[in-house]
Structures are given as C-alpha cells and as structure tokens.
C-alpha cells in the first residue's frame, strides 16, 4: 500500500510504521488505475508497479 506520512510518501507492507519504505518524488507522477509507475531504488534498480486502485491520501 502506498501511504502518505509526515515525511512524504512510503510503501507500507503491514499495519504500523515499522516496515514503511520511503519513496521520493511521487508527487511528480499521475496515478491512473491500470497504468504503471516505475520506482528506482537506492541501488539503481528500476521496479515497475501497476496501479491497481486510487483513493484519497490519509496522513498517518
């Protein structure tokens, strides 16, 4: 799940913040269900993700 935190955007794999993985510059992308967004990791590997669902951002 993509979540908006106080520090920006992050991938969250389980409830709580312990596993959250920060993602930078997501505000430069348009999220459309069925389209793809590529995230480049710190090691330079690009990972494509298909947008499955879009909902309102909830600050946690």
Protein backbone atom coordinates (compact mmCIF):
# COMPACT_ATOMS: atom_id res chain seq x y z
CA UNK A 1 0.00 0.00 0.00
CA UNK A 2 1.22 3.49 -0.78
CA UNK A 3 0.73 5.81 2.20
CA UNK A 4 1.36 9.49 2.86
CA UNK A 5 3.35 10.09 6.04
CA UNK A 6 4.64 13.24 7.73
CA UNK A 7 7.91 12.79 5.83
CA UNK A 8 6.34 12.19 2.39
CA UNK A 9 5.27 9.02 0.61
CA UNK A 10 6.11 5.43 1.58
CA UNK A 11 5.26 1.84 0.73
CA UNK A 12 3.69 0.09 3.71
CA UNK A 13 3.62 -3.70 3.71
CA UNK A 14 1.89 -4.25 7.06
CA UNK A 15 -0.07 -2.18 9.60
CA UNK A 16 2.10 0.26 11.55
CA UNK A 17 5.13 2.29 10.54
CA UNK A 18 7.94 -0.19 11.30
CA UNK A 19 8.06 -1.61 7.78
CA UNK A 20 7.41 1.63 5.86
CA UNK A 21 9.82 2.20 2.97
CA UNK A 22 10.14 5.86 1.89
CA UNK A 23 9.60 6.72 -1.78
CA UNK A 24 10.71 10.07 -3.15
CA UNK A 25 9.26 12.38 -5.83
CA UNK A 26 5.95 10.56 -6.20
CA UNK A 27 4.23 13.93 -6.43
CA UNK A 28 5.61 14.14 -9.99
CA UNK A 29 3.56 11.15 -11.16
CA UNK A 30 -0.06 10.75 -12.18
CA UNK A 31 -1.63 7.61 -10.72
CA UNK A 32 -4.22 6.06 -13.03
CA UNK A 33 -5.63 2.56 -12.41
CA UNK A 34 -4.17 0.11 -14.93
CA UNK A 35 -1.16 2.33 -15.72
CA UNK A 36 2.39 1.76 -14.48
CA UNK A 37 4.70 3.78 -12.24
CA UNK A 38 8.41 2.97 -12.07
CA UNK A 39 10.26 3.44 -8.80
CA UNK A 40 14.08 3.48 -8.92
CA UNK A 41 15.58 2.03 -5.76
CA UNK A 42 18.67 3.40 -3.99
CA UNK A 43 20.81 0.75 -5.74
CA UNK A 44 19.68 1.93 -9.19
CA UNK A 45 17.26 -0.94 -9.90
CA UNK A 46 14.06 0.26 -11.54
CA UNK A 47 10.89 -1.51 -10.38
CA UNK A 48 7.63 -1.09 -12.31
CA UNK A 49 4.36 -1.19 -10.36
CA UNK A 50 0.87 -1.40 -11.85
CA UNK A 51 -1.59 1.00 -10.26
CA UNK A 52 -4.46 -1.19 -9.04
CA UNK A 53 -6.56 1.34 -7.16
CA UNK A 54 -6.51 5.05 -6.35
CA UNK A 55 -8.09 6.52 -3.22
CA UNK A 56 -7.76 9.62 -1.07
CA UNK A 57 -4.47 10.05 0.79
CA UNK A 58 -4.74 9.71 4.55
CA UNK A 59 -2.00 11.24 6.68
CA UNK A 60 -0.74 8.90 9.38
